[in-house]
Amino acid sequence: MGDQTNANPKEGTIKFANGTFMGFDGNKWVNLSPQEKYILGPSNIVTDGSISTTVNGFLVTGLAAANAICRADFPNEPTAHFYHVDEIEKVVAYGNIGNFSPSNTNYWTMASVFRIDSNTSYYQTNTVSNNCYNFLSNGGNLFERGTTVRITFATPYAGQLLGYQVNLSQETTCNQNLRMICGR
């Protein structure tokens, strides 16, 4: 069959080099090995809860737009996407924050559940109204709220350990101008 991994590889060819499986997609070699998830950084754009962008001449809105923006902002990361609360919590717990600098800055994120009120532990799974109507609305009326996240480095009290904190707010008015967190 010959060596197709270096000279004139055919689409679908797989090679193993430097501990990584690579596949040729017809144009370039693509990493096939699982990549560890981590925060790539904030989006370059600021959005008011209604996310939209143009992809190949077509208007894209909501979550699809958020993912497209993250892919455009991090073009060398083929799996770049808008980070969900669960992903943020996991990567911070493992210390995989990449070059992201914890600060007192809030960022839009997507939540899968939200607390009905701050006095109970009752959670509801209808996330449409707590994610700026799937990031399609910036009206900021009483029922339109979004979820924001702020990652900070904890300042310890006497005897406590240092570490990152993930602070969520699920009652953010949807007309605030914030960036999004992108990750892979």
C-alpha atoms as a PDB file:
ATOM      1  CA  MET A   1       0.000   0.000   0.000  1.00  0.00           C
ATOM      2  CA  GLY A   2       2.910   2.380   0.559  1.00  0.00           C
ATOM      3  CA  ASP A   3       3.334   5.333   2.874  1.00  0.00           C
ATOM      4  CA  GLN A   4       0.456   7.759   2.342  1.00  0.00           C
ATOM      5  CA  THR A   5       1.033   9.706   5.531  1.00  0.00           C
ATOM      6  CA  ASN A   6       3.568  12.177   4.212  1.00  0.00           C
ATOM      7  CA  ALA A   7       3.585  12.370   0.405  1.00  0.00           C
ATOM      8  CA  ASN A   8       0.225  12.770  -1.345  1.00  0.00           C
ATOM      9  CA  PRO A   9      -2.021  11.293   1.348  1.00  0.00           C
ATOM     10  CA  LYS A  10      -5.524  10.219   0.377  1.00  0.00           C
ATOM     11  CA  GLU A  11      -8.632  11.473   2.147  1.00  0.00           C
ATOM     12  CA  GLY A  12      -9.353   9.214   5.120  1.00  0.00           C
ATOM     13  CA  THR A  13      -5.686   8.315   5.699  1.00  0.00           C
ATOM     14  CA  ILE A  14      -4.785   8.014   9.387  1.00  0.00           C
ATOM     15  CA  LYS A  15      -1.332   8.310  10.897  1.00  0.00           C
ATOM     16  CA  PHE A  16       0.111   8.197  14.391  1.00  0.00           C
ATOM     17  CA  ALA A  17       2.831  10.744  15.077  1.00  0.00           C
ATOM     18  CA  ASN A  18       4.245  12.151  18.306  1.00  0.00           C
ATOM     19  CA  GLY A  19       1.633  10.340  20.402  1.00  0.00           C
ATOM     20  CA  THR A  20      -1.299  11.728  18.404  1.00  0.00           C
ATOM     21  CA  PHE A  21      -3.616  10.141  15.847  1.00  0.00           C
ATOM     22  CA  MET A  22      -4.072  12.362  12.797  1.00  0.00           C
ATOM     23  CA  GLY A  23      -6.530  11.985   9.912  1.00  0.00           C
ATOM     24  CA  PHE A  24      -6.288  13.556   6.469  1.00  0.00           C
ATOM     25  CA  ASP A  25      -9.571  15.251   5.481  1.00  0.00           C
ATOM     26  CA  GLY A  26      -8.585  15.797   1.852  1.00  0.00           C
ATOM     27  CA  ASN A  27      -6.977  19.175   2.522  1.00  0.00           C
ATOM     28  CA  LYS A  28      -5.118  18.996   5.817  1.00  0.00           C
ATOM     29  CA  TRP A  29      -4.187  16.751   8.713  1.00  0.00           C
ATOM     30  CA  VAL A  30      -6.713  16.911  11.588  1.00  0.00           C
ATOM     31  CA  ASN A  31      -6.032  15.849  15.175  1.00  0.00           C
ATOM     32  CA  LEU A  32      -8.195  12.798  15.966  1.00  0.00           C
ATOM     33  CA  SER A  33      -6.949  12.270  19.518  1.00  0.00           C
ATOM     34  CA  PRO A  34      -9.203  13.418  22.331  1.00  0.00           C
ATOM     35  CA  GLN A  35      -8.192  16.876  23.463  1.00  0.00           C
ATOM     36  CA  GLU A  36      -8.445  18.035  27.010  1.00  0.00           C
ATOM     37  CA  LYS A  37     -11.111  20.671  27.531  1.00  0.00           C
ATOM     38  CA  TYR A  38     -10.012  24.116  28.628  1.00  0.00           C
ATOM     39  CA  ILE A  39     -11.012  27.745  28.462  1.00  0.00           C
ATOM     40  CA  LEU A  40      -9.665  29.417  25.334  1.00  0.00           C
ATOM     41  CA  GLY A  41     -10.642  32.900  26.489  1.00  0.00           C
ATOM     42  CA  PRO A  42     -13.348  35.523  26.163  1.00  0.00           C
ATOM     43  CA  SER A  43     -14.984  36.297  22.845  1.00  0.00           C
ATOM     44  CA  ASN A  44     -13.684  39.320  20.967  1.00  0.00           C
ATOM     45  CA  ILE A  45     -17.183  40.737  20.626  1.00  0.00           C
ATOM     46  CA  VAL A  46     -19.474  42.141  23.281  1.00  0.00           C
ATOM     47  CA  THR A  47     -23.141  41.183  23.069  1.00  0.00           C
ATOM     48  CA  ASP A  48     -26.271  42.389  24.850  1.00  0.00           C
ATOM     49  CA  GLY A  49     -27.885  38.960  25.200  1.00  0.00           C
ATOM     50  CA  SER A  50     -29.156  38.833  21.628  1.00  0.00           C
ATOM     51  CA  ILE A  51     -26.346  37.085  19.770  1.00  0.00           C
ATOM     52  CA  SER A  52     -26.050  37.214  15.994  1.00  0.00           C
ATOM     53  CA  THR A  53     -23.325  37.010  13.370  1.00  0.00           C
ATOM     54  CA  THR A  54     -22.931  36.296   9.673  1.00  0.00           C
ATOM     55  CA  VAL A  55     -21.524  32.965   8.492  1.00  0.00           C
ATOM     56  CA  ASN A  56     -20.879  32.477   4.767  1.00  0.00           C
ATOM     57  CA  GLY A  57     -23.225  35.362   3.997  1.00  0.00           C
ATOM     58  CA  PHE A  58     -26.105  34.046   6.140  1.00  0.00           C
ATOM     59  CA  LEU A  59     -27.389  35.563   9.363  1.00  0.00           C
ATOM     60  CA  VAL A  60     -26.996  33.155  12.283  1.00  0.00           C
ATOM     61  CA  THR A  61     -28.606  33.867  15.662  1.00  0.00           C
ATOM     62  CA  GLY A  62     -28.751  32.549  19.216  1.00  0.00           C
ATOM     63  CA  LEU A  63     -26.608  29.624  20.319  1.00  0.00           C
ATOM     64  CA  ALA A  64     -25.506  28.825  16.763  1.00  0.00           C
ATOM     65  CA  ALA A  65     -24.174  32.387  16.498  1.00  0.00           C
ATOM     66  CA  ALA A  66     -22.391  32.105  19.853  1.00  0.00           C
ATOM     67  CA  ASN A  67     -20.610  28.960  18.678  1.00  0.00           C
ATOM     68  CA  ALA A  68     -19.739  30.536  15.318  1.00  0.00           C
ATOM     69  CA  ILE A  69     -18.271  33.583  17.068  1.00  0.00           C
ATOM     70  CA  CYS A  70     -16.081  31.387  19.284  1.00  0.00           C
ATOM     71  CA  ARG A  71     -14.873  29.407  16.234  1.00  0.00           C
ATOM     72  CA  ALA A  72     -14.052  32.667  14.432  1.00  0.00           C
ATOM     73  CA  ASP A  73     -12.253  34.100  17.472  1.00  0.00           C
ATOM     74  CA  PHE A  74     -10.159  30.930  17.906  1.00  0.00           C
ATOM     75  CA  PRO A  75      -9.651  29.683  14.324  1.00  0.00           C
ATOM     76  CA  ASN A  76      -6.850  27.251  15.249  1.00  0.00           C
ATOM     77  CA  GLU A  77      -9.176  25.346  17.592  1.00  0.00           C
ATOM     78  CA  PRO A  78     -11.587  23.243  15.496  1.00  0.00           C
ATOM     79  CA  THR A  79     -13.751  22.434  18.537  1.00  0.00           C
ATOM     80  CA  ALA A  80     -13.999  26.013  19.855  1.00  0.00           C
ATOM     81  CA  HIS A  81     -17.505  26.759  21.139  1.00  0.00           C
ATOM     82  CA  PHE A  82     -19.530  28.871  23.554  1.00  0.00           C
ATOM     83  CA  TYR A  83     -18.998  27.434  27.020  1.00  0.00           C
ATOM     84  CA  HIS A  84     -21.865  26.091  29.107  1.00  0.00           C
ATOM     85  CA  VAL A  85     -21.946  26.443  32.918  1.00  0.00           C
ATOM     86  CA  ASP A  86     -21.171  22.735  33.389  1.00  0.00           C
ATOM     87  CA  GLU A  87     -18.078  22.968  31.166  1.00  0.00           C
ATOM     88  CA  ILE A  88     -16.821  26.054  32.987  1.00  0.00           C
ATOM     89  CA  GLU A  89     -17.203  24.414  36.381  1.00  0.00           C
ATOM     90  CA  LYS A  90     -15.378  21.274  35.225  1.00  0.00           C
ATOM     91  CA  VAL A  91     -12.397  22.999  33.627  1.00  0.00           C
ATOM     92  CA  VAL A  92     -11.969  25.351  36.581  1.00  0.00           C
ATOM     93  CA  ALA A  93     -12.132  22.403  38.992  1.00  0.00           C
ATOM     94  CA  TYR A  94      -9.291  20.746  37.049  1.00  0.00           C
ATOM     95  CA  GLY A  95      -7.369  24.024  36.688  1.00  0.00           C
ATOM     96  CA  ASN A  96      -7.676  23.992  32.884  1.00  0.00           C
ATOM     97  CA  ILE A  97      -8.229  27.695  32.389  1.00  0.00           C
ATOM     98  CA  GLY A  98      -5.531  28.098  29.722  1.00  0.00           C
ATOM     99  CA  ASN A  99      -4.416  31.709  29.363  1.00  0.00           C
ATOM    100  CA  PHE A 100      -7.696  32.996  30.793  1.00  0.00           C
ATOM    101  CA  SER A 101      -7.136  35.528  33.558  1.00  0.00           C
ATOM    102  CA  PRO A 102      -9.618  35.322  36.440  1.00  0.00           C
ATOM    103  CA  SER A 103     -11.032  38.759  37.209  1.00  0.00           C
ATOM    104  CA  ASN A 104     -14.093  40.549  38.478  1.00  0.00           C
ATOM    105  CA  THR A 105     -15.595  40.494  34.986  1.00  0.00           C
ATOM    106  CA  ASN A 106     -18.935  38.861  34.182  1.00  0.00           C
ATOM    107  CA  TYR A 107     -19.399  36.833  30.990  1.00  0.00           C
ATOM    108  CA  TRP A 108     -22.493  35.365  29.347  1.00  0.00           C
ATOM    109  CA  THR A 109     -22.856  31.614  29.702  1.00  0.00           C
ATOM    110  CA  MET A 110     -25.583  29.021  29.121  1.00  0.00           C
ATOM    111  CA  ALA A 111     -27.328  27.352  32.067  1.00  0.00           C
ATOM    112  CA  SER A 112     -29.250  24.088  31.980  1.00  0.00           C
ATOM    113  CA  VAL A 113     -31.181  24.698  35.211  1.00  0.00           C
ATOM    114  CA  PHE A 114     -31.979  27.682  37.344  1.00  0.00           C
ATOM    115  CA  ARG A 115     -33.235  28.332  40.860  1.00  0.00           C
ATOM    116  CA  ILE A 116     -36.822  29.577  41.112  1.00  0.00           C
ATOM    117  CA  ASP A 117     -35.907  31.980  43.903  1.00  0.00           C
ATOM    118  CA  SER A 118     -32.950  32.540  46.162  1.00  0.00           C
ATOM    119  CA  ASN A 119     -34.783  31.290  49.267  1.00  0.00           C
ATOM    120  CA  THR A 120     -35.360  27.733  48.056  1.00  0.00           C
ATOM    121  CA  SER A 121     -33.381  24.933  46.497  1.00  0.00           C
ATOM    122  CA  TYR A 122     -36.095  24.225  43.913  1.00  0.00           C
ATOM    123  CA  TYR A 123     -34.634  24.169  40.424  1.00  0.00           C
ATOM    124  CA  GLN A 124     -36.486  24.388  37.127  1.00  0.00           C
ATOM    125  CA  THR A 125     -35.175  22.954  33.866  1.00  0.00           C
ATOM    126  CA  ASN A 126     -36.870  25.432  31.514  1.00  0.00           C
ATOM    127  CA  THR A 127     -33.822  27.436  30.528  1.00  0.00           C
ATOM    128  CA  VAL A 128     -35.298  29.465  27.702  1.00  0.00           C
ATOM    129  CA  SER A 129     -36.306  32.362  29.929  1.00  0.00           C
ATOM    130  CA  ASN A 130     -33.076  32.240  31.925  1.00  0.00           C
ATOM    131  CA  ASN A 131     -30.796  32.395  28.880  1.00  0.00           C
ATOM    132  CA  CYS A 132     -32.152  35.532  27.188  1.00  0.00           C
ATOM    133  CA  TYR A 133     -34.598  33.288  25.319  1.00  0.00           C
ATOM    134  CA  ASN A 134     -31.745  31.166  23.934  1.00  0.00           C
ATOM    135  CA  PHE A 135     -29.749  34.354  23.288  1.00  0.00           C
ATOM    136  CA  LEU A 136     -32.313  35.657  20.827  1.00  0.00           C
ATOM    137  CA  SER A 137     -33.566  38.573  22.931  1.00  0.00           C
ATOM    138  CA  ASN A 138     -32.056  41.593  24.641  1.00  0.00           C
ATOM    139  CA  GLY A 139     -35.304  43.124  25.859  1.00  0.00           C
ATOM    140  CA  GLY A 140     -34.454  42.929  29.536  1.00  0.00           C
ATOM    141  CA  ASN A 141     -38.093  42.749  30.631  1.00  0.00           C
ATOM    142  CA  LEU A 142     -39.117  41.115  33.892  1.00  0.00           C
ATOM    143  CA  PHE A 143     -39.127  37.568  32.491  1.00  0.00           C
ATOM    144  CA  GLU A 144     -36.009  37.816  30.350  1.00  0.00           C
ATOM    145  CA  ARG A 145     -32.928  36.992  32.321  1.00  0.00           C
ATOM    146  CA  GLY A 146     -29.572  35.550  31.414  1.00  0.00           C
ATOM    147  CA  THR A 147     -26.883  33.603  33.203  1.00  0.00           C
ATOM    148  CA  THR A 148     -23.489  35.148  33.772  1.00  0.00           C
ATOM    149  CA  VAL A 149     -20.307  33.731  35.224  1.00  0.00           C
ATOM    150  CA  ARG A 150     -17.360  35.385  36.907  1.00  0.00           C
ATOM    151  CA  ILE A 151     -14.192  33.393  37.601  1.00  0.00           C
ATOM    152  CA  THR A 152     -12.011  34.805  40.346  1.00  0.00           C
ATOM    153  CA  PHE A 153      -9.010  33.664  42.311  1.00  0.00           C
ATOM    154  CA  ALA A 154     -10.126  33.238  45.905  1.00  0.00           C
ATOM    155  CA  THR A 155      -8.450  35.295  48.565  1.00  0.00           C
ATOM    156  CA  PRO A 156      -8.321  33.056  51.591  1.00  0.00           C
ATOM    157  CA  TYR A 157      -9.475  33.824  55.047  1.00  0.00           C
ATOM    158  CA  ALA A 158      -7.290  32.629  57.899  1.00  0.00           C
ATOM    159  CA  GLY A 159      -6.580  28.935  57.448  1.00  0.00           C
ATOM    160  CA  GLN A 160      -8.378  28.509  54.110  1.00  0.00           C
ATOM    161  CA  LEU A 161      -6.882  27.297  50.843  1.00  0.00           C
ATOM    162  CA  LEU A 162      -6.306  29.342  47.714  1.00  0.00           C
ATOM    163  CA  GLY A 163      -8.221  28.472  44.579  1.00  0.00           C
ATOM    164  CA  TYR A 164     -10.490  29.555  41.766  1.00  0.00           C
ATOM    165  CA  GLN A 165     -14.111  30.477  42.399  1.00  0.00           C
ATOM    166  CA  VAL A 166     -16.905  30.213  39.860  1.00  0.00           C
ATOM    167  CA  ASN A 167     -19.623  32.738  40.655  1.00  0.00           C
ATOM    168  CA  LEU A 168     -22.907  32.383  38.772  1.00  0.00           C
ATOM    169  CA  SER A 169     -25.698  34.895  38.500  1.00  0.00           C
ATOM    170  CA  GLN A 170     -28.879  33.617  36.929  1.00  0.00           C
ATOM    171  CA  GLU A 171     -30.845  36.836  37.185  1.00  0.00           C
ATOM    172  CA  THR A 172     -28.862  39.118  34.866  1.00  0.00           C
ATOM    173  CA  THR A 173     -30.905  41.525  32.775  1.00  0.00           C
ATOM    174  CA  CYS A 174     -30.529  40.581  29.107  1.00  0.00           C
ATOM    175  CA  ASN A 175     -29.637  44.051  27.856  1.00  0.00           C
ATOM    176  CA  GLN A 176     -26.153  44.157  29.410  1.00  0.00           C
ATOM    177  CA  ASN A 177     -23.103  44.271  27.146  1.00  0.00           C
ATOM    178  CA  LEU A 178     -20.847  41.332  28.045  1.00  0.00           C
ATOM    179  CA  ARG A 179     -18.411  38.973  26.347  1.00  0.00           C
ATOM    180  CA  MET A 180     -18.849  35.189  26.205  1.00  0.00           C
ATOM    181  CA  ILE A 181     -16.446  32.511  27.415  1.00  0.00           C
ATOM    182  CA  CYS A 182     -15.153  30.256  24.637  1.00  0.00           C
ATOM    183  CA  GLY A 183     -13.530  26.885  25.182  1.00  0.00           C
ATOM    184  CA  ARG A 184     -12.707  23.600  23.557  1.00  0.00           C
END
